[in-house]
Protein backbone atom coordinates (compact mmCIF):
# COMPACT_ATOMS: atom_id res chain seq x y z
CA UNK A 1 131.45 87.38 114.94
CA UNK A 2 128.24 88.71 113.50
CA UNK A 3 127.50 92.27 114.05
CA UNK A 4 125.44 95.41 112.97
CA UNK A 5 126.89 98.50 111.64
CA UNK A 6 125.03 102.00 111.80
CA UNK A 7 126.17 104.62 109.38
CA UNK A 8 125.98 108.08 110.59
CA UNK A 9 123.04 110.07 109.67
CA UNK A 10 123.65 112.70 106.85
CA UNK A 11 121.41 115.76 107.43
CA UNK A 12 119.40 113.88 110.13
CA UNK A 13 118.42 111.14 107.57
CA UNK A 14 118.66 107.74 109.15
CA UNK A 15 120.48 105.06 106.53
CA UNK A 16 119.55 101.54 106.53
CA UNK A 17 121.63 99.09 108.96
CA UNK A 18 124.34 97.15 107.38
CA UNK A 19 124.88 93.51 108.33
CA UNK A 20 128.07 92.01 108.25
CA UNK A 21 130.55 89.01 109.27
CA UNK A 22 134.10 88.70 110.29
CA UNK A 23 136.09 85.42 108.88
CA UNK A 24 139.72 84.76 108.55
CA UNK A 25 143.20 83.86 109.75
CA UNK A 26 145.53 86.05 112.00
CA UNK A 27 146.76 88.78 109.69
CA UNK A 28 147.83 92.15 110.91
CA UNK A 29 145.10 93.82 108.70
CA UNK A 30 141.91 92.35 107.73
CA UNK A 31 140.14 93.44 104.60
CA UNK A 32 136.79 95.00 104.86
CA UNK A 33 134.33 93.94 101.74
CA UNK A 34 131.24 96.16 101.11
CA UNK A 35 128.48 93.79 99.36
CA UNK A 36 125.70 95.76 97.66
CA UNK A 37 123.16 93.35 98.89
CA UNK A 38 122.46 90.66 101.59
CA UNK A 39 123.66 87.19 100.87
CA UNK A 40 121.72 85.42 98.14
CA UNK A 41 121.88 82.63 95.50
CA UNK A 42 123.36 85.26 93.15
CA UNK A 43 126.33 85.77 95.79
CA UNK A 44 127.19 81.95 96.07
CA UNK A 45 129.92 81.81 93.61
CA UNK A 46 131.54 84.69 95.43
CA UNK A 47 131.24 83.19 99.05
CA UNK A 48 133.00 80.01 97.36
CA UNK A 49 135.74 82.27 96.30
CA UNK A 50 135.96 83.82 99.81
CA UNK A 51 136.30 80.52 101.44
CA UNK A 52 139.22 79.53 98.94
CA UNK A 53 140.85 82.71 99.78
CA UNK A 54 140.33 82.25 103.68
CA UNK A 55 142.03 78.82 103.04
CA UNK A 56 145.02 80.52 101.58
CA UNK A 57 145.25 83.16 104.65
CA UNK A 58 142.97 86.00 103.55
CA UNK A 59 141.60 87.71 106.56
CA UNK A 60 138.37 89.57 105.80
CA UNK A 61 135.07 90.65 107.09
CA UNK A 62 132.16 91.47 104.98
CA UNK A 63 129.49 94.09 105.26
CA UNK A 64 125.93 93.93 103.45
CA UNK A 65 124.81 97.33 102.46
CA UNK A 66 121.13 97.94 101.48
CA UNK A 67 122.30 99.17 97.88
CA UNK A 68 125.25 99.69 95.69
CA UNK A 69 125.25 103.39 96.43
CA UNK A 70 125.93 102.85 100.06
CA UNK A 71 128.94 100.29 99.39
CA UNK A 72 130.29 102.61 97.10
CA UNK A 73 130.32 105.47 99.66
CA UNK A 74 131.77 103.04 102.14
CA UNK A 75 134.51 102.58 99.90
CA UNK A 76 135.09 106.16 99.11
CA UNK A 77 135.06 107.17 102.87
CA UNK A 78 137.70 104.62 103.55
CA UNK A 79 135.01 102.60 105.93
CA UNK A 80 135.58 99.64 103.52
CA UNK A 81 138.52 98.50 101.51
CA UNK A 82 136.88 96.52 98.78
CA UNK A 83 133.40 97.27 97.24
CA UNK A 84 130.69 95.45 94.90
CA UNK A 85 129.60 97.68 92.05
CA UNK A 86 130.15 99.76 88.99
CA UNK A 87 131.29 103.07 90.46
CA UNK A 88 132.11 104.84 86.84
CA UNK A 89 130.26 108.18 87.82
CA UNK A 90 132.05 108.23 91.36
CA UNK A 91 135.21 107.44 89.86
CA UNK A 92 134.90 110.50 87.46
CA UNK A 93 133.63 112.71 90.20
CA UNK A 94 135.75 111.75 92.89
CA UNK A 95 139.23 112.61 93.92
CA UNK A 96 139.93 108.85 95.41
CA UNK A 97 141.64 107.04 92.64
CA UNK A 98 139.01 103.98 92.51
CA UNK A 99 139.94 101.11 90.35
CA UNK A 100 137.93 97.93 89.36
CA UNK A 101 140.29 94.77 89.58
CA UNK A 102 137.61 92.10 88.78
CA UNK A 103 134.30 91.83 86.82
CA UNK A 104 132.17 89.63 88.73
CA UNK A 105 129.27 89.49 86.58
CA UNK A 106 127.81 90.95 83.15
CA UNK A 107 124.59 93.02 82.54
CA UNK A 108 122.52 89.90 81.40
CA UNK A 109 119.20 91.45 82.52
CA UNK A 110 115.89 91.37 81.08
CA UNK A 111 113.05 93.86 80.84
CA UNK A 112 110.04 91.72 82.36
CA UNK A 113 106.32 93.23 82.63
CA UNK A 114 102.71 92.17 83.50
CA UNK A 115 100.92 90.88 80.44
CA UNK A 116 99.53 94.23 79.66
CA UNK A 117 102.74 95.43 77.88
CA UNK A 118 104.22 93.74 75.02
CA UNK A 119 106.94 96.12 73.80
CA UNK A 120 109.57 98.68 75.43
CA UNK A 121 107.59 101.46 73.53
CA UNK A 122 104.58 100.84 75.65
CA UNK A 123 106.54 101.54 78.83
CA UNK A 124 106.89 105.23 77.93
CA UNK A 125 105.88 107.28 81.02
CA UNK A 126 105.37 103.93 83.00
CA UNK A 127 106.94 103.37 86.46
CA UNK A 128 109.84 100.72 86.62
CA UNK A 129 111.30 98.98 89.51
CA UNK A 130 115.13 98.64 89.49
CA UNK A 131 117.96 97.37 91.58
CA UNK A 132 119.86 100.49 92.78
CA UNK A 133 120.22 104.24 91.87
CA UNK A 134 123.26 104.58 89.51
CA UNK A 135 123.64 100.67 89.14
CA UNK A 136 123.45 98.45 86.55
CA UNK A 137 120.01 98.11 86.02
CA UNK A 138 119.48 101.88 86.29
CA UNK A 139 121.94 102.28 83.27
CA UNK A 140 120.01 99.75 81.44
CA UNK A 141 117.02 101.80 81.81
CA UNK A 142 118.88 104.91 80.64
CA UNK A 143 120.04 103.18 77.59
CA UNK A 144 116.73 101.88 76.81
CA UNK A 145 115.35 105.34 77.06
CA UNK A 146 117.85 106.70 74.61
CA UNK A 147 117.74 103.69 72.17
CA UNK A 148 114.01 103.18 72.06
CA UNK A 149 113.07 107.01 72.33
CA UNK A 150 110.90 106.77 75.54
CA UNK A 151 110.96 108.10 79.14
CA UNK A 152 110.10 105.88 82.17
CA UNK A 153 107.90 107.23 84.94
CA UNK A 154 108.90 107.11 88.36
CA UNK A 155 111.93 104.76 89.02
CA UNK A 156 111.76 102.93 92.31
CA UNK A 157 114.64 100.72 93.80
CA UNK A 158 114.36 97.24 95.38
CA UNK A 159 117.89 95.50 95.52
CA UNK A 160 117.78 91.73 94.41
CA UNK A 161 116.10 90.28 91.47
CA UNK A 162 114.16 87.85 93.39
CA UNK A 163 112.58 90.63 95.38
CA UNK A 164 111.78 92.25 92.14
CA UNK A 165 110.00 89.22 90.93
CA UNK A 166 108.02 88.86 94.16
CA UNK A 167 106.91 92.44 93.60
CA UNK A 168 105.64 91.50 90.32
CA UNK A 169 103.91 88.46 91.64
CA UNK A 170 102.38 90.32 94.27
CA UNK A 171 100.92 92.95 92.07
CA UNK A 172 103.13 95.62 93.58
CA UNK A 173 105.19 96.45 90.19
CA UNK A 174 104.23 96.13 86.56
CA UNK A 175 107.45 96.62 85.00
CA UNK A 176 110.99 95.76 86.11
CA UNK A 177 114.54 94.52 85.07
CA UNK A 178 115.74 91.11 86.30
CA UNK A 179 118.53 88.86 85.90
CA UNK A 180 118.76 85.71 83.69
CA UNK A 181 118.19 83.13 86.43
CA UNK A 182 115.23 84.72 87.78
CA UNK A 183 113.78 85.57 84.22
CA UNK A 184 114.04 81.83 83.69
CA UNK A 185 112.38 80.86 86.94
CA UNK A 186 109.49 83.15 86.26
CA UNK A 187 108.92 82.14 82.74
CA UNK A 188 108.95 78.57 83.84
CA UNK A 189 106.70 78.88 86.76
CA UNK A 190 102.94 78.41 86.53
CA UNK A 191 102.52 82.20 86.57
CA UNK A 192 104.59 82.75 83.33
CA UNK A 193 101.38 83.56 81.32
CA UNK A 194 100.90 86.60 83.41
CA UNK A 195 104.16 87.87 82.34
CA UNK A 196 105.96 89.12 79.33
CA UNK A 197 109.89 89.30 78.59
CA UNK A 198 110.32 92.41 76.18
CA UNK A 199 112.66 92.04 73.41
CA UNK A 200 116.13 93.49 74.43
CA UNK A 201 119.44 94.37 72.75
CA UNK A 202 122.68 92.57 73.82
CA UNK A 203 124.70 93.98 76.52
CA UNK A 204 128.34 92.91 77.62
CA UNK A 205 129.21 95.33 80.11
CA UNK A 206 129.70 94.88 83.87
CA UNK A 207 127.09 94.45 86.30
CA UNK A 208 128.84 93.98 89.29
CA UNK A 209 132.61 94.36 89.63
CA UNK A 210 135.09 94.32 92.41
CA UNK A 211 136.79 97.66 93.07
CA UNK A 212 138.84 99.52 95.56
CA UNK A 213 141.20 102.66 96.17
CA UNK A 214 144.08 102.05 94.15
CA UNK A 215 146.69 103.29 96.92
CA UNK A 216 145.05 100.77 99.16
CA UNK A 217 145.17 97.96 96.44
CA UNK A 218 148.99 98.63 95.82
CA UNK A 219 149.56 98.65 99.66
CA UNK A 220 147.96 95.38 100.18
CA UNK A 221 149.01 93.76 96.97
CA UNK A 222 149.55 90.19 98.49
CA UNK A 223 146.15 90.02 99.99
CA UNK A 224 144.57 91.26 96.88
CA UNK A 225 146.53 88.61 95.10
CA UNK A 226 144.97 86.10 97.14
CA UNK A 227 141.63 87.40 96.56
CA UNK A 228 141.74 87.61 92.93
CA UNK A 229 143.22 84.14 92.56
CA UNK A 230 140.45 82.62 94.46
CA UNK A 231 137.98 84.54 92.43
CA UNK A 232 139.51 83.36 89.23
CA UNK A 233 139.75 80.05 90.06
CA UNK A 234 136.29 79.59 91.25
CA UNK A 235 135.06 81.47 88.08
CA UNK A 236 137.19 79.18 85.82
CA UNK A 237 135.98 75.86 87.78
CA UNK A 238 132.34 77.04 87.58
CA UNK A 239 132.47 77.12 84.04
CA UNK A 240 133.93 73.53 83.84
CA UNK A 241 131.37 72.40 86.37
CA UNK A 242 128.58 74.82 87.59
CA UNK A 243 127.77 72.16 90.26
CA UNK A 244 130.99 73.16 92.12
CA UNK A 245 129.19 76.27 93.69
CA UNK A 246 126.63 74.11 95.49
CA UNK A 247 129.26 71.40 96.42
CA UNK A 248 131.75 74.05 97.92
CA UNK A 249 128.98 76.05 99.59
CA UNK A 250 129.63 76.02 103.50
CA UNK A 251 126.65 74.79 104.95
CA UNK A 252 127.55 76.74 108.06
CA UNK A 253 128.12 79.88 106.09
CA UNK A 254 125.78 82.73 105.09
CA UNK A 255 124.71 80.98 101.79
CA UNK A 256 124.60 77.59 103.47
CA UNK A 257 122.03 79.29 105.91
CA UNK A 258 119.59 80.21 103.10
CA UNK A 259 116.38 78.34 102.79
CA UNK A 260 116.53 74.65 101.36
CA UNK A 261 114.42 75.49 98.47
CA UNK A 262 116.95 78.09 97.35
CA UNK A 263 119.90 75.91 97.91
CA UNK A 264 118.14 73.07 96.07
CA UNK A 265 118.17 75.35 92.95
CA UNK A 266 121.88 76.51 92.94
CA UNK A 267 123.00 73.89 90.30
CA UNK A 268 120.18 75.22 88.01
CA UNK A 269 120.98 78.79 88.81
CA UNK A 270 124.69 78.52 87.95
CA UNK A 271 124.03 76.24 84.85
CA UNK A 272 121.79 78.68 83.55
CA UNK A 273 124.33 81.53 84.29
CA UNK A 274 127.13 79.74 82.84
CA UNK A 275 125.10 78.90 79.67
CA UNK A 276 123.75 82.47 79.64
CA UNK A 277 127.29 84.02 79.49
CA UNK A 278 126.71 85.82 82.85
CA UNK A 279 130.36 85.46 84.10
CA UNK A 280 133.50 85.60 82.42
CA UNK A 281 135.81 82.91 83.15
CA UNK A 282 138.96 85.28 82.77
CA UNK A 283 137.55 88.03 85.20
CA UNK A 284 136.89 90.49 82.52
CA UNK A 285 140.16 92.26 81.83
CA UNK A 286 140.72 94.60 79.05
CA UNK A 287 137.55 93.28 77.07
CA UNK A 288 135.24 94.13 79.89
CA UNK A 289 136.79 97.51 80.51
CA UNK A 290 136.41 98.60 76.91
CA UNK A 291 132.72 97.13 76.76
CA UNK A 292 132.04 99.14 80.27
CA UNK A 293 133.63 102.29 78.50
CA UNK A 294 131.12 102.28 75.56
CA UNK A 295 128.12 101.21 77.71
CA UNK A 296 128.38 103.61 80.92
CA UNK A 297 129.08 106.41 78.44
CA UNK A 298 125.95 105.57 76.55
CA UNK A 299 124.32 105.28 80.00
CA UNK A 300 125.18 108.71 80.91
CA UNK A 301 127.31 107.39 83.83
CA UNK A 302 130.62 108.64 82.16
CA UNK A 303 131.63 111.78 80.61
CA UNK A 304 133.53 112.00 77.16
CA UNK A 305 133.67 109.61 74.24
CA UNK A 306 134.50 105.89 74.75
CA UNK A 307 137.46 106.39 72.36
CA UNK A 308 138.97 109.32 74.49
CA UNK A 309 138.51 107.28 77.97
CA UNK A 310 141.54 105.63 79.27
CA UNK A 311 140.98 102.13 80.71
CA UNK A 312 143.70 102.72 83.29
CA UNK A 313 141.78 105.37 84.82
CA UNK A 314 139.05 102.75 85.78
CA UNK A 315 140.67 99.44 86.16
CA UNK A 316 143.78 98.30 87.85
CA UNK A 317 144.95 95.19 85.88
CA UNK A 318 148.04 94.04 87.53
CA UNK A 319 146.37 91.68 89.96
CA UNK A 320 144.31 89.87 87.26
CA UNK A 321 147.16 89.73 84.74
CA UNK A 322 149.20 88.00 87.28
CA UNK A 323 146.49 85.67 88.39
CA UNK A 324 146.19 84.77 84.62
CA UNK A 325 149.74 83.73 84.48
């Protein structure tokens, strides 16, 4: 059943529509999942994992919010149970015990500009197009400013790397930060000569992670276990054979309804992603958590020294530890 959800306006400001779908078996409770963007090739592996979880009895519905900040707020408010994002700042500010349970992807992103720019230093004072306020690309921009000694101009936000590539191609932006797959597509295209991929330092921290309220996670440990097991099996199978994502994509599901030209590129998308280290086959765990402490402290989204921050204040590792066994 497809439906539209309208979030209440705050201070008379209308928020964007959120699109969702309900799927699953007949359980007493249904897990409500907050996506930070609409279904795309970048989410195909996640939807394969959802189908595996459904086959094992998970009852769920997903809602696609227009950006990560709204998805985080939906979980904080209790409107949704599980969310996409890296809500480290919200974890420190909020009284709600938000915890990450699975690393979905790493921050494998690249600064891409029109040909008039050749270095990061040349972006001092220049506007930049990013994914979402407070999200992964925003944190990358913060760390670039700190390490390179520049200050970007106006920051604008357009979710989805493919949409930001379209903005570059359409002349609506001169600089952005995009993911590995879309960077490769752009630089293999006929328009490649018009753009530069600027030299960037290595990043191992989380871009997207799955998180929820710790109380809810512990109260629904059986369903959470089904979900995490499905994610882990999908991520591990994808590393063995990236074509598993295309082959297991439901033709009648949200990914299967994408344009044929996008579906035809799924094998290449996931082959590039696996080769480029975008996904951890073990769901991140303690290694990802420690990298996140260091990265998001440097990005200004966590207060305190990484050596003083406690992983258990941000991650709940019991479901992933059990799945790994």
